[in-house]
N, C-alpha and C. Protein backbone atom coordinates (compact mmCIF):
# COMPACT_ATOMS: atom_id res chain seq x y z
N MET A 1 -6.32 -31.44 55.66
CA MET A 1 -6.01 -30.51 54.60
C MET A 1 -4.73 -29.75 54.98
N LYS A 2 -3.81 -29.68 54.04
CA LYS A 2 -2.56 -28.96 54.27
C LYS A 2 -2.81 -27.45 54.20
N ASN A 3 -2.14 -26.69 55.04
CA ASN A 3 -2.32 -25.23 55.09
C ASN A 3 -1.26 -24.49 54.29
N PHE A 4 -1.56 -23.23 53.98
CA PHE A 4 -0.63 -22.32 53.33
C PHE A 4 -0.77 -20.95 53.99
N HIS A 5 0.20 -20.07 53.74
CA HIS A 5 0.17 -18.72 54.30
C HIS A 5 -0.71 -17.83 53.42
N LEU A 6 -1.67 -17.14 54.03
CA LEU A 6 -2.60 -16.26 53.32
C LEU A 6 -2.56 -14.87 53.91
N GLN A 7 -2.46 -13.87 53.04
CA GLN A 7 -2.59 -12.47 53.43
C GLN A 7 -3.74 -11.86 52.65
N ILE A 8 -4.60 -11.14 53.37
CA ILE A 8 -5.68 -10.39 52.74
C ILE A 8 -5.46 -8.93 53.10
N VAL A 9 -5.35 -8.08 52.07
CA VAL A 9 -4.98 -6.68 52.27
C VAL A 9 -5.97 -5.77 51.54
N THR A 10 -6.34 -4.65 52.17
CA THR A 10 -7.15 -3.60 51.54
C THR A 10 -6.39 -2.28 51.69
N PRO A 11 -6.87 -1.21 51.08
CA PRO A 11 -6.23 0.09 51.28
C PRO A 11 -6.23 0.52 52.76
N ASP A 12 -7.17 -0.01 53.55
CA ASP A 12 -7.22 0.32 54.97
C ASP A 12 -6.23 -0.47 55.81
N GLY A 13 -5.60 -1.49 55.23
CA GLY A 13 -4.60 -2.25 55.96
C GLY A 13 -4.80 -3.76 55.84
N LEU A 14 -4.11 -4.46 56.71
CA LEU A 14 -4.11 -5.91 56.73
C LEU A 14 -5.41 -6.43 57.35
N VAL A 15 -6.12 -7.29 56.63
CA VAL A 15 -7.37 -7.87 57.10
C VAL A 15 -7.12 -9.23 57.72
N TYR A 16 -6.23 -10.03 57.11
CA TYR A 16 -5.91 -11.35 57.62
C TYR A 16 -4.48 -11.70 57.25
N ASP A 17 -3.76 -12.30 58.19
CA ASP A 17 -2.39 -12.75 57.95
C ASP A 17 -2.19 -14.01 58.77
N GLY A 18 -2.32 -15.15 58.11
CA GLY A 18 -2.19 -16.40 58.85
C GLY A 18 -2.33 -17.60 57.94
N GLU A 19 -2.59 -18.74 58.55
CA GLU A 19 -2.70 -19.99 57.83
C GLU A 19 -4.14 -20.23 57.36
N ALA A 20 -4.27 -20.87 56.20
CA ALA A 20 -5.57 -21.26 55.66
C ALA A 20 -5.42 -22.58 54.92
N GLY A 21 -6.50 -23.32 54.84
CA GLY A 21 -6.48 -24.58 54.11
C GLY A 21 -6.96 -24.42 52.68
N GLN A 22 -7.80 -23.40 52.46
CA GLN A 22 -8.33 -23.13 51.13
C GLN A 22 -8.88 -21.71 51.11
N VAL A 23 -8.81 -21.07 49.96
CA VAL A 23 -9.50 -19.80 49.73
C VAL A 23 -10.22 -19.92 48.39
N SER A 24 -11.50 -19.54 48.39
CA SER A 24 -12.32 -19.59 47.17
C SER A 24 -12.82 -18.19 46.88
N VAL A 25 -12.62 -17.73 45.64
CA VAL A 25 -13.01 -16.37 45.25
C VAL A 25 -13.56 -16.39 43.82
N ARG A 26 -14.13 -15.27 43.41
CA ARG A 26 -14.62 -15.11 42.04
C ARG A 26 -13.59 -14.32 41.25
N SER A 27 -12.98 -14.98 40.29
CA SER A 27 -12.02 -14.30 39.42
C SER A 27 -12.73 -13.81 38.16
N ILE A 28 -12.02 -13.11 37.31
CA ILE A 28 -12.62 -12.63 36.06
C ILE A 28 -12.95 -13.79 35.12
N ASP A 29 -12.36 -14.96 35.38
CA ASP A 29 -12.63 -16.14 34.55
C ASP A 29 -13.59 -17.13 35.21
N GLY A 30 -14.11 -16.78 36.40
CA GLY A 30 -15.03 -17.68 37.10
C GLY A 30 -14.55 -17.95 38.51
N ASP A 31 -15.31 -18.76 39.23
CA ASP A 31 -14.95 -19.09 40.61
C ASP A 31 -13.74 -20.01 40.62
N ILE A 32 -12.82 -19.74 41.56
CA ILE A 32 -11.62 -20.57 41.69
C ILE A 32 -11.40 -20.89 43.16
N ALA A 33 -10.71 -21.99 43.40
CA ALA A 33 -10.31 -22.38 44.75
C ALA A 33 -8.81 -22.62 44.75
N ILE A 34 -8.15 -22.10 45.76
CA ILE A 34 -6.71 -22.26 45.90
C ILE A 34 -6.44 -23.16 47.10
N LEU A 35 -5.63 -24.18 46.90
CA LEU A 35 -5.20 -25.08 47.96
C LEU A 35 -3.68 -25.02 48.07
N ALA A 36 -3.15 -25.57 49.15
CA ALA A 36 -1.69 -25.64 49.32
C ALA A 36 -1.08 -26.37 48.13
N GLY A 37 0.05 -25.87 47.65
CA GLY A 37 0.75 -26.50 46.53
C GLY A 37 0.26 -26.08 45.16
N HIS A 38 -0.65 -25.09 45.12
CA HIS A 38 -1.16 -24.60 43.83
C HIS A 38 -0.01 -24.02 43.01
N ILE A 39 -0.10 -24.14 41.70
CA ILE A 39 0.93 -23.57 40.84
C ILE A 39 0.91 -22.05 40.97
N PRO A 40 2.03 -21.37 40.69
CA PRO A 40 2.02 -19.91 40.71
C PRO A 40 0.93 -19.39 39.76
N TYR A 41 0.24 -18.35 40.23
CA TYR A 41 -0.96 -17.91 39.52
C TYR A 41 -1.25 -16.46 39.88
N VAL A 42 -1.75 -15.70 38.91
CA VAL A 42 -2.17 -14.32 39.14
C VAL A 42 -3.48 -14.11 38.38
N THR A 43 -4.46 -13.49 39.05
CA THR A 43 -5.72 -13.20 38.38
C THR A 43 -6.37 -11.97 38.99
N ALA A 44 -7.11 -11.26 38.16
CA ALA A 44 -7.95 -10.17 38.65
C ALA A 44 -9.22 -10.78 39.24
N LEU A 45 -9.78 -10.10 40.24
CA LEU A 45 -10.97 -10.59 40.92
C LEU A 45 -12.17 -9.72 40.59
N LYS A 46 -13.33 -10.35 40.55
CA LYS A 46 -14.61 -9.65 40.43
C LYS A 46 -15.21 -9.50 41.82
N ASP A 47 -16.20 -8.63 41.94
CA ASP A 47 -16.97 -8.57 43.18
C ASP A 47 -17.64 -9.91 43.39
N GLY A 48 -17.62 -10.38 44.63
CA GLY A 48 -18.29 -11.65 44.90
C GLY A 48 -17.97 -12.18 46.28
N ASP A 49 -18.52 -13.35 46.53
CA ASP A 49 -18.30 -14.00 47.82
C ASP A 49 -16.91 -14.61 47.86
N CYS A 50 -16.36 -14.66 49.07
CA CYS A 50 -15.07 -15.28 49.32
C CYS A 50 -15.25 -16.22 50.51
N ARG A 51 -14.65 -17.40 50.41
CA ARG A 51 -14.66 -18.34 51.52
C ARG A 51 -13.22 -18.66 51.89
N VAL A 52 -12.92 -18.53 53.18
CA VAL A 52 -11.59 -18.85 53.68
C VAL A 52 -11.74 -19.98 54.69
N TYR A 53 -11.04 -21.08 54.45
CA TYR A 53 -11.11 -22.25 55.31
C TYR A 53 -9.96 -22.18 56.31
N ILE A 54 -10.31 -21.93 57.58
CA ILE A 54 -9.33 -21.79 58.66
C ILE A 54 -9.63 -22.87 59.68
N ASP A 55 -8.69 -23.80 59.87
CA ASP A 55 -8.89 -24.96 60.74
C ASP A 55 -10.16 -25.70 60.29
N ASP A 56 -11.12 -25.87 61.15
CA ASP A 56 -12.36 -26.58 60.79
C ASP A 56 -13.51 -25.62 60.54
N GLU A 57 -13.20 -24.36 60.30
CA GLU A 57 -14.23 -23.34 60.13
C GLU A 57 -14.14 -22.72 58.73
N ILE A 58 -15.30 -22.40 58.17
CA ILE A 58 -15.35 -21.68 56.89
C ILE A 58 -15.83 -20.27 57.19
N LYS A 59 -14.95 -19.29 56.91
CA LYS A 59 -15.31 -17.88 57.13
C LYS A 59 -15.74 -17.30 55.79
N HIS A 60 -16.89 -16.64 55.78
CA HIS A 60 -17.44 -16.03 54.57
C HIS A 60 -17.20 -14.52 54.59
N ALA A 61 -16.99 -13.97 53.40
CA ALA A 61 -16.76 -12.53 53.27
C ALA A 61 -17.22 -12.07 51.90
N HIS A 62 -17.31 -10.74 51.75
CA HIS A 62 -17.57 -10.15 50.45
C HIS A 62 -16.28 -9.46 50.00
N CYS A 63 -15.85 -9.76 48.80
CA CYS A 63 -14.63 -9.20 48.23
C CYS A 63 -15.02 -8.29 47.07
N SER A 64 -14.60 -7.04 47.11
CA SER A 64 -14.94 -6.07 46.06
C SER A 64 -13.80 -5.94 45.06
N GLY A 65 -13.68 -6.95 44.22
CA GLY A 65 -12.65 -6.91 43.18
C GLY A 65 -11.25 -6.95 43.76
N GLY A 66 -10.27 -6.87 42.89
CA GLY A 66 -8.89 -6.84 43.34
C GLY A 66 -8.00 -7.76 42.54
N LEU A 67 -7.00 -8.29 43.22
CA LEU A 67 -5.98 -9.12 42.59
C LEU A 67 -5.62 -10.26 43.53
N LEU A 68 -5.46 -11.46 42.98
CA LEU A 68 -5.03 -12.63 43.74
C LEU A 68 -3.72 -13.12 43.14
N THR A 69 -2.71 -13.28 43.99
CA THR A 69 -1.43 -13.83 43.53
C THR A 69 -1.09 -15.06 44.37
N VAL A 70 -0.61 -16.08 43.68
CA VAL A 70 -0.19 -17.32 44.34
C VAL A 70 1.27 -17.55 43.97
N THR A 71 2.11 -17.70 44.99
CA THR A 71 3.51 -18.07 44.77
C THR A 71 3.77 -19.38 45.51
N LYS A 72 4.97 -19.90 45.41
CA LYS A 72 5.26 -21.15 46.11
C LYS A 72 5.25 -20.95 47.62
N ASP A 73 5.41 -19.71 48.08
CA ASP A 73 5.49 -19.45 49.51
C ASP A 73 4.19 -18.96 50.14
N ASP A 74 3.35 -18.25 49.37
CA ASP A 74 2.14 -17.71 49.98
C ASP A 74 1.10 -17.31 48.95
N VAL A 75 -0.07 -16.94 49.48
CA VAL A 75 -1.17 -16.46 48.67
C VAL A 75 -1.52 -15.07 49.19
N ARG A 76 -1.67 -14.11 48.29
CA ARG A 76 -2.01 -12.75 48.69
C ARG A 76 -3.23 -12.30 47.91
N LEU A 77 -4.23 -11.82 48.65
CA LEU A 77 -5.45 -11.28 48.06
C LEU A 77 -5.48 -9.79 48.39
N VAL A 78 -5.47 -8.96 47.36
CA VAL A 78 -5.51 -7.51 47.53
C VAL A 78 -6.84 -7.04 46.96
N SER A 79 -7.65 -6.38 47.80
CA SER A 79 -8.98 -5.97 47.38
C SER A 79 -9.24 -4.53 47.78
N SER A 80 -10.09 -3.86 47.01
CA SER A 80 -10.45 -2.48 47.37
C SER A 80 -11.32 -2.46 48.62
N ASP A 81 -12.06 -3.56 48.86
CA ASP A 81 -12.85 -3.68 50.09
C ASP A 81 -13.09 -5.15 50.37
N PHE A 82 -12.91 -5.56 51.61
CA PHE A 82 -13.09 -6.95 52.03
C PHE A 82 -13.79 -6.94 53.37
N GLU A 83 -15.01 -7.45 53.40
CA GLU A 83 -15.83 -7.41 54.63
C GLU A 83 -16.24 -8.82 55.05
N TRP A 84 -15.82 -9.22 56.25
CA TRP A 84 -16.24 -10.52 56.79
C TRP A 84 -17.73 -10.49 57.08
N ASN A 85 -18.42 -11.59 56.78
CA ASN A 85 -19.83 -11.74 57.17
C ASN A 85 -19.82 -12.27 58.60
N GLU A 86 -20.46 -11.58 59.48
CA GLU A 86 -20.48 -12.01 60.89
C GLU A 86 -21.78 -12.63 61.26
């Protein structure tokens, strides 16, 4: 799986800044998955589960709404609260 640059940001600061193979979140229009090479895209997020695919691992988190933007260079997820499930 090809990787892309992902940033996850909350009001408390940077949560993640690195490479990912996929990010799956709940948007206002339903669940979506972003892969490398996705078309530019912007959507509001609902509260829900988030999955971030890093190397061969799937990291799970809870995302409390926010905004997801996809550009040709990176993906940025801005949320009011983002908590990794440990």
